Amino acid sequence: MVRVRAMPVLVACRGCERDTAAWQVALELDRRGAGEAVRPGAAADKVRSRYPVYVIEGCAEACGKRWLAASGVEPVASFVLDPGRGLEQQVEELSAVVSRA
């Protein structure tokens, strides 16, 4: 039996000095095949038509989640990166969560 799962959309925030880290994490997850990385404003139609949607935030300002709300999309989960921890460890943790979708 072949099991097909939806390809999650990984929305990386945009708008502050920590958005580069969020984009790097989203791109790494994309490279691993865990989801498709997008930036706010770039693919509103894709985000509205796909599920599940996850948000990767660089800080607690939640600009990615706000953009989704303005686009009429509720994410499955929103993750805020911890600047005090290495990105690789956070990528591993997010990969485990997103892969269960």
C-alpha atoms as a PDB file:
ATOM      1  CA  MET A   1       0.000   0.000   0.000  1.00  0.00           C
ATOM      2  CA  VAL A   2       1.250   3.445  -0.922  1.00  0.00           C
ATOM      3  CA  ARG A   3       0.592   6.217   1.547  1.00  0.00           C
ATOM      4  CA  VAL A   4       0.403   9.761   0.208  1.00  0.00           C
ATOM      5  CA  ARG A   5       0.725  12.722   2.525  1.00  0.00           C
ATOM      6  CA  ALA A   6       0.208  16.386   1.875  1.00  0.00           C
ATOM      7  CA  MET A   7       3.350  18.485   1.436  1.00  0.00           C
ATOM      8  CA  PRO A   8       3.261  21.051   4.257  1.00  0.00           C
ATOM      9  CA  VAL A   9       3.795  24.728   3.539  1.00  0.00           C
ATOM     10  CA  LEU A  10       6.509  26.270   5.720  1.00  0.00           C
ATOM     11  CA  VAL A  11       5.987  30.013   6.005  1.00  0.00           C
ATOM     12  CA  ALA A  12       9.128  31.806   7.206  1.00  0.00           C
ATOM     13  CA  CYS A  13       8.580  35.226   8.723  1.00  0.00           C
ATOM     14  CA  ARG A  14       9.824  38.404   7.113  1.00  0.00           C
ATOM     15  CA  GLY A  15      10.358  41.799   8.638  1.00  0.00           C
ATOM     16  CA  CYS A  16      13.021  41.836  11.353  1.00  0.00           C
ATOM     17  CA  GLU A  17      16.682  41.026  11.880  1.00  0.00           C
ATOM     18  CA  ARG A  18      15.834  37.415  12.813  1.00  0.00           C
ATOM     19  CA  ASP A  19      13.941  36.625   9.598  1.00  0.00           C
ATOM     20  CA  THR A  20      17.119  35.309   7.957  1.00  0.00           C
ATOM     21  CA  ALA A  21      17.339  32.530  10.551  1.00  0.00           C
ATOM     22  CA  ALA A  22      13.680  31.615   9.994  1.00  0.00           C
ATOM     23  CA  TRP A  23      14.246  31.512   6.221  1.00  0.00           C
ATOM     24  CA  GLN A  24      17.361  29.335   6.639  1.00  0.00           C
ATOM     25  CA  VAL A  25      15.412  26.850   8.751  1.00  0.00           C
ATOM     26  CA  ALA A  26      12.522  26.773   6.272  1.00  0.00           C
ATOM     27  CA  LEU A  27      14.922  26.247   3.352  1.00  0.00           C
ATOM     28  CA  GLU A  28      16.699  23.412   5.160  1.00  0.00           C
ATOM     29  CA  LEU A  29      13.388  21.689   5.868  1.00  0.00           C
ATOM     30  CA  ASP A  30      12.461  22.214   2.202  1.00  0.00           C
ATOM     31  CA  ARG A  31      15.781  20.692   1.114  1.00  0.00           C
ATOM     32  CA  ARG A  32      15.054  17.648   3.299  1.00  0.00           C
ATOM     33  CA  GLY A  33      11.646  17.226   1.690  1.00  0.00           C
ATOM     34  CA  ALA A  34       9.741  18.005   4.899  1.00  0.00           C
ATOM     35  CA  GLY A  35       7.755  20.843   3.315  1.00  0.00           C
ATOM     36  CA  GLU A  36       7.823  23.729   0.886  1.00  0.00           C
ATOM     37  CA  ALA A  37       9.390  26.987   2.106  1.00  0.00           C
ATOM     38  CA  VAL A  38       7.584  30.239   1.273  1.00  0.00           C
ATOM     39  CA  ARG A  39       7.879  33.842   2.428  1.00  0.00           C
ATOM     40  CA  PRO A  40       4.968  36.075   3.415  1.00  0.00           C
ATOM     41  CA  GLY A  41       3.578  37.938   0.435  1.00  0.00           C
ATOM     42  CA  ALA A  42       5.174  35.619  -2.116  1.00  0.00           C
ATOM     43  CA  ALA A  43       2.599  32.873  -2.433  1.00  0.00           C
ATOM     44  CA  ALA A  44      -0.709  33.801  -0.799  1.00  0.00           C
ATOM     45  CA  ASP A  45      -2.753  31.661  -3.213  1.00  0.00           C
ATOM     46  CA  LYS A  46      -0.525  28.642  -2.630  1.00  0.00           C
ATOM     47  CA  VAL A  47      -0.791  29.020   1.129  1.00  0.00           C
ATOM     48  CA  ARG A  48      -4.578  29.398   0.981  1.00  0.00           C
ATOM     49  CA  SER A  49      -4.938  26.293  -1.172  1.00  0.00           C
ATOM     50  CA  ARG A  50      -2.584  23.976   0.731  1.00  0.00           C
ATOM     51  CA  TYR A  51      -2.635  22.266   4.081  1.00  0.00           C
ATOM     52  CA  PRO A  52      -1.004  21.812   6.526  1.00  0.00           C
ATOM     53  CA  VAL A  53       0.616  25.221   7.018  1.00  0.00           C
ATOM     54  CA  TYR A  54       3.337  25.848   9.597  1.00  0.00           C
ATOM     55  CA  VAL A  55       4.922  29.166  10.535  1.00  0.00           C
ATOM     56  CA  ILE A  56       8.574  29.578  11.464  1.00  0.00           C
ATOM     57  CA  GLU A  57       9.080  32.866  13.299  1.00  0.00           C
ATOM     58  CA  GLY A  58      12.443  34.483  13.951  1.00  0.00           C
ATOM     59  CA  CYS A  59      11.109  36.354  16.992  1.00  0.00           C
ATOM     60  CA  ALA A  60       7.991  36.736  19.135  1.00  0.00           C
ATOM     61  CA  GLU A  61       6.542  39.518  16.934  1.00  0.00           C
ATOM     62  CA  ALA A  62       4.749  36.801  14.915  1.00  0.00           C
ATOM     63  CA  CYS A  63       4.813  38.633  11.578  1.00  0.00           C
ATOM     64  CA  GLY A  64       4.398  35.361   9.660  1.00  0.00           C
ATOM     65  CA  LYS A  65       1.318  34.375  11.632  1.00  0.00           C
ATOM     66  CA  ARG A  66      -0.155  37.878  11.208  1.00  0.00           C
ATOM     67  CA  TRP A  67       0.357  37.681   7.432  1.00  0.00           C
ATOM     68  CA  LEU A  68      -1.406  34.312   7.365  1.00  0.00           C
ATOM     69  CA  ALA A  69      -4.319  35.692   9.391  1.00  0.00           C
ATOM     70  CA  ALA A  70      -4.642  38.604   6.956  1.00  0.00           C
ATOM     71  CA  SER A  71      -4.711  36.013   4.152  1.00  0.00           C
ATOM     72  CA  GLY A  72      -7.445  34.033   5.910  1.00  0.00           C
ATOM     73  CA  VAL A  73      -5.208  31.099   6.879  1.00  0.00           C
ATOM     74  CA  GLU A  74      -4.864  29.486  10.299  1.00  0.00           C
ATOM     75  CA  PRO A  75      -1.575  27.594  10.687  1.00  0.00           C
ATOM     76  CA  VAL A  76      -1.430  24.154  12.275  1.00  0.00           C
ATOM     77  CA  ALA A  77       1.383  25.440  14.480  1.00  0.00           C
ATOM     78  CA  SER A  78       3.724  28.391  14.843  1.00  0.00           C
ATOM     79  CA  PHE A  79       7.329  27.935  15.942  1.00  0.00           C
ATOM     80  CA  VAL A  80       9.470  30.747  17.362  1.00  0.00           C
ATOM     81  CA  LEU A  81      13.189  30.171  16.956  1.00  0.00           C
ATOM     82  CA  ASP A  82      15.375  30.534  20.029  1.00  0.00           C
ATOM     83  CA  PRO A  83      18.362  32.784  19.241  1.00  0.00           C
ATOM     84  CA  GLY A  84      20.260  31.205  22.135  1.00  0.00           C
ATOM     85  CA  ARG A  85      20.223  27.750  20.532  1.00  0.00           C
ATOM     86  CA  GLY A  86      21.848  26.453  17.398  1.00  0.00           C
ATOM     87  CA  LEU A  87      19.761  26.360  14.226  1.00  0.00           C
ATOM     88  CA  GLU A  88      20.667  22.739  13.427  1.00  0.00           C
ATOM     89  CA  GLN A  89      19.108  21.450  16.645  1.00  0.00           C
ATOM     90  CA  GLN A  90      15.973  23.491  15.992  1.00  0.00           C
ATOM     91  CA  VAL A  91      15.820  22.197  12.409  1.00  0.00           C
ATOM     92  CA  GLU A  92      15.910  18.622  13.751  1.00  0.00           C
ATOM     93  CA  GLU A  93      13.099  19.336  16.216  1.00  0.00           C
ATOM     94  CA  LEU A  94      10.911  21.052  13.624  1.00  0.00           C
ATOM     95  CA  SER A  95      11.598  18.308  11.100  1.00  0.00           C
ATOM     96  CA  ALA A  96      10.297  15.708  13.539  1.00  0.00           C
ATOM     97  CA  VAL A  97       7.089  17.704  14.137  1.00  0.00           C
ATOM     98  CA  VAL A  98       6.422  18.570  10.490  1.00  0.00           C
ATOM     99  CA  SER A  99       7.155  15.015   9.302  1.00  0.00           C
ATOM    100  CA  ARG A 100       4.329  13.686  11.499  1.00  0.00           C
ATOM    101  CA  ALA A 101       1.763  15.760   9.604  1.00  0.00           C
END
